[in-house]
Amino acid sequence: MVESQQPDQFAALAQDFIDLIDAGELSPAELLDRVQKILPILYRSALDLPDVDPTDEEENDRLSHEQWNQLFQGIKKKIGEWAYYQEMFDPYDFSELSPVVGDLADDLADIYRDLLQGMHLWGRGRYPDAIWGWKFNFQTHWGDHALGALRAIHTIIFSYDIESLGPQNSESNKWGGGCRKRRSPHTP
């Protein structure tokens, strides 16, 4: 049995993230502002998850591809032209000189899926399995998605006019070229 209160705190944060993504009434700007605030806390909390051994019980608590795709499409529709961003896939692979395209909707949907799977286990009292899954998926999957999403959201909020967030229009290119860039304080 896990004795630390930390997994309970992580479970509460995971549920907050899930609830945030499920909140359909938020504007794109509100969604990204709130995600920007919860993701660093969730990331930090995942670093402190204890090492546990999972049980041998089967896991059938993953979102189906259809459920994930519905979630993904809903997020993509909400954030519109802001879905795509560029980044370096491996910042230490210097033979890879071109950035790759990241997808903010994919980031958020994948984080949601990994956290939700653990919440299903947590809700059934399978605490070691939930903790092991959260930690393993953090180290191998959703942690990278969280960092990519944070960089993209930070750029949207602090480098672009966040009030211009809205559905993609036909005059915007798929890489976000239709958004209005803020003027730098250093620009005359």
Protein backbone atom coordinates (compact mmCIF):
# COMPACT_ATOMS: atom_id res chain seq x y z
CA MET A 1 0.00 0.00 0.00
CA VAL A 2 1.15 3.52 -0.79
CA GLU A 3 1.43 5.61 2.36
CA SER A 4 2.32 9.04 0.98
CA GLN A 5 -0.37 11.68 0.47
CA GLN A 6 1.37 12.70 -2.76
CA PRO A 7 -0.49 10.19 -4.98
CA ASP A 8 -3.79 11.55 -3.62
CA GLN A 9 -2.69 15.05 -4.59
CA PHE A 10 -1.66 13.86 -8.04
CA ALA A 11 -5.02 12.10 -8.50
CA ALA A 12 -6.83 15.35 -7.62
CA LEU A 13 -4.72 17.28 -10.15
CA ALA A 14 -5.29 14.62 -12.79
CA GLN A 15 -9.05 14.88 -12.22
CA ASP A 16 -8.83 18.69 -12.46
CA PHE A 17 -7.08 18.38 -15.84
CA ILE A 18 -9.68 15.87 -17.08
CA ASP A 19 -12.51 18.15 -15.92
CA LEU A 20 -10.87 21.12 -17.63
CA ILE A 21 -10.63 19.33 -20.97
CA ASP A 22 -14.22 18.10 -20.58
CA ALA A 23 -15.49 21.65 -19.89
CA GLY A 24 -17.07 22.43 -23.24
CA GLU A 25 -18.23 25.93 -22.40
CA LEU A 26 -14.73 27.48 -22.26
CA SER A 27 -13.52 29.78 -25.00
CA PRO A 28 -10.24 28.83 -26.70
CA ALA A 29 -8.44 31.59 -24.78
CA GLU A 30 -9.88 30.42 -21.43
CA LEU A 31 -9.01 26.79 -22.15
CA LEU A 32 -5.39 27.55 -23.04
CA ASP A 33 -4.99 29.95 -20.11
CA ARG A 34 -6.20 27.29 -17.66
CA VAL A 35 -4.17 24.51 -19.27
CA GLN A 36 -1.09 26.73 -19.00
CA LYS A 37 -1.70 27.02 -15.27
CA ILE A 38 -2.43 23.37 -14.44
CA LEU A 39 0.12 21.57 -16.65
CA PRO A 40 3.25 22.77 -14.80
CA ILE A 41 1.72 21.73 -11.47
CA LEU A 42 0.71 18.34 -12.86
CA TYR A 43 4.17 17.87 -14.37
CA ARG A 44 5.87 18.78 -11.09
CA SER A 45 3.60 16.48 -9.13
CA ALA A 46 4.34 13.57 -11.49
CA LEU A 47 8.04 13.95 -10.69
CA ASP A 48 7.25 13.03 -7.08
CA LEU A 49 5.12 9.95 -7.74
CA PRO A 50 6.55 7.07 -5.73
CA ASP A 51 8.09 3.99 -7.29
CA VAL A 52 5.60 1.13 -7.01
CA ASP A 53 5.18 -2.26 -8.60
CA PRO A 54 2.01 -2.85 -10.59
CA THR A 55 -0.20 -5.86 -9.97
CA ASP A 56 -0.70 -8.57 -12.56
CA GLU A 57 -4.34 -7.63 -13.12
CA GLU A 58 -5.50 -6.84 -16.65
CA GLU A 59 -6.00 -3.24 -17.71
CA ASN A 60 -8.96 -2.52 -19.94
CA ASP A 61 -9.49 1.10 -18.95
CA ARG A 62 -8.01 2.87 -21.96
CA LEU A 63 -10.12 5.14 -24.15
CA SER A 64 -11.04 3.45 -27.40
CA HIS A 65 -9.58 4.97 -30.54
CA GLU A 66 -13.05 6.28 -31.43
CA GLN A 67 -13.44 7.95 -28.03
CA TRP A 68 -9.94 9.43 -28.27
CA ASN A 69 -10.59 10.67 -31.81
CA GLN A 70 -13.83 12.36 -30.74
CA LEU A 71 -11.97 14.12 -27.91
CA PHE A 72 -9.09 15.05 -30.24
CA GLN A 73 -11.43 16.46 -32.90
CA GLY A 74 -13.32 18.50 -30.29
CA ILE A 75 -10.11 20.07 -28.99
CA LYS A 76 -8.81 20.67 -32.51
CA LYS A 77 -12.06 22.41 -33.48
CA LYS A 78 -11.92 24.59 -30.37
CA ILE A 79 -8.32 25.77 -30.81
CA GLY A 80 -8.49 26.01 -34.61
CA GLU A 81 -5.46 27.55 -36.24
CA TRP A 82 -3.47 27.26 -33.02
CA ALA A 83 -3.38 23.46 -33.17
CA TYR A 84 -0.08 23.18 -35.05
CA TYR A 85 3.31 24.34 -33.86
CA GLN A 86 6.90 23.46 -34.63
CA GLU A 87 9.54 22.01 -32.35
CA MET A 88 12.62 19.86 -32.38
CA PHE A 89 11.66 16.25 -31.72
CA ASP A 90 14.96 15.40 -30.04
CA PRO A 91 16.82 18.51 -28.86
CA TYR A 92 20.05 16.50 -28.58
CA ASP A 93 20.03 14.97 -32.05
CA PHE A 94 22.12 17.50 -33.95
CA SER A 95 21.80 15.53 -37.18
CA GLU A 96 18.12 16.51 -37.13
CA LEU A 97 18.23 20.13 -38.23
CA SER A 98 14.63 20.65 -39.26
CA PRO A 99 11.79 21.14 -36.81
CA VAL A 100 8.83 18.78 -36.76
CA VAL A 101 5.18 19.76 -36.51
CA GLY A 102 3.55 19.32 -33.14
CA ASP A 103 -0.19 19.20 -32.61
CA LEU A 104 -1.59 20.85 -29.50
CA ALA A 105 -4.89 18.96 -29.78
CA ASP A 106 -2.97 15.66 -29.91
CA ASP A 107 -0.89 16.73 -26.91
CA LEU A 108 -3.92 17.53 -24.77
CA ALA A 109 -5.90 14.47 -25.89
CA ASP A 110 -2.97 12.14 -25.17
CA ILE A 111 -2.36 13.64 -21.72
CA TYR A 112 -6.08 13.27 -21.01
CA ARG A 113 -6.09 9.62 -22.12
CA ASP A 114 -3.09 8.67 -19.97
CA LEU A 115 -4.47 10.45 -16.90
CA LEU A 116 -7.98 9.08 -17.36
CA GLN A 117 -6.72 5.51 -17.54
CA GLY A 118 -5.06 6.00 -14.15
CA MET A 119 -8.18 7.64 -12.73
CA HIS A 120 -10.26 4.61 -13.68
CA LEU A 121 -7.80 2.38 -11.82
CA TRP A 122 -7.65 4.80 -8.89
CA GLY A 123 -11.43 4.87 -8.63
CA ARG A 124 -11.51 1.07 -8.33
CA GLY A 125 -8.93 1.07 -5.54
CA ARG A 126 -6.10 -0.22 -7.72
CA TYR A 127 -3.72 2.40 -6.37
CA PRO A 128 -0.38 0.77 -7.24
CA ASP A 129 -1.55 0.19 -10.84
CA ALA A 130 -2.77 3.77 -11.17
CA ILE A 131 0.45 5.23 -9.75
CA TRP A 132 2.66 2.93 -11.82
CA GLY A 133 0.74 3.82 -14.99
CA TRP A 134 0.83 7.55 -14.33
CA LYS A 135 4.56 7.49 -13.64
CA PHE A 136 5.44 5.18 -16.55
CA ASN A 137 3.33 7.14 -19.03
CA PHE A 138 4.71 10.43 -17.69
CA GLN A 139 8.28 9.25 -18.28
CA THR A 140 7.59 7.73 -21.70
CA HIS A 141 4.67 9.64 -23.18
CA TRP A 142 2.60 12.38 -21.63
CA GLY A 143 5.52 14.26 -20.05
CA ASP A 144 6.83 15.07 -23.53
CA HIS A 145 3.34 16.05 -24.66
CA ALA A 146 3.02 18.35 -21.63
CA LEU A 147 6.28 20.11 -22.40
CA GLY A 148 5.42 20.57 -26.08
CA ALA A 149 1.98 21.88 -25.16
CA LEU A 150 3.39 24.29 -22.58
CA ARG A 151 5.87 25.78 -25.03
CA ALA A 152 3.16 26.21 -27.67
CA ILE A 153 0.63 27.68 -25.23
CA HIS A 154 3.24 30.00 -23.72
CA THR A 155 4.02 31.32 -27.19
CA ILE A 156 0.34 31.79 -28.04
CA ILE A 157 -0.42 33.65 -24.82
CA PHE A 158 2.67 35.84 -24.61
CA SER A 159 3.64 36.36 -28.25
CA TYR A 160 0.29 36.55 -30.02
CA ASP A 161 -2.99 38.34 -29.52
CA ILE A 162 -4.82 35.75 -27.46
CA GLU A 163 -8.12 37.52 -28.11
CA SER A 164 -7.75 36.53 -31.77
CA LEU A 165 -8.13 32.88 -30.76
CA GLY A 166 -11.03 31.35 -32.56
CA PRO A 167 -11.95 28.83 -35.19
CA GLN A 168 -9.60 28.57 -38.11
CA ASN A 169 -10.77 30.63 -41.06
CA SER A 170 -10.10 30.04 -44.71
CA GLU A 171 -7.59 32.88 -44.90
CA SER A 172 -5.38 31.36 -42.19
CA ASN A 173 -2.77 28.84 -43.17
CA LYS A 174 -2.63 25.57 -41.29
CA TRP A 175 0.52 26.61 -39.45
CA GLY A 176 -1.14 29.52 -37.66
CA GLY A 177 -0.24 32.22 -40.17
CA GLY A 178 -3.59 33.93 -39.75
CA CYS A 179 -3.03 34.98 -36.16
CA ARG A 180 -1.98 38.46 -35.15
CA LYS A 181 1.51 38.73 -33.72
CA ARG A 182 1.93 41.15 -30.86
CA ARG A 183 4.43 43.88 -31.24
CA SER A 184 7.56 43.36 -29.26
CA PRO A 185 8.24 45.98 -26.60
CA HIS A 186 11.62 46.34 -28.30
CA THR A 187 10.10 47.09 -31.73
CA PRO A 188 9.93 50.81 -32.55
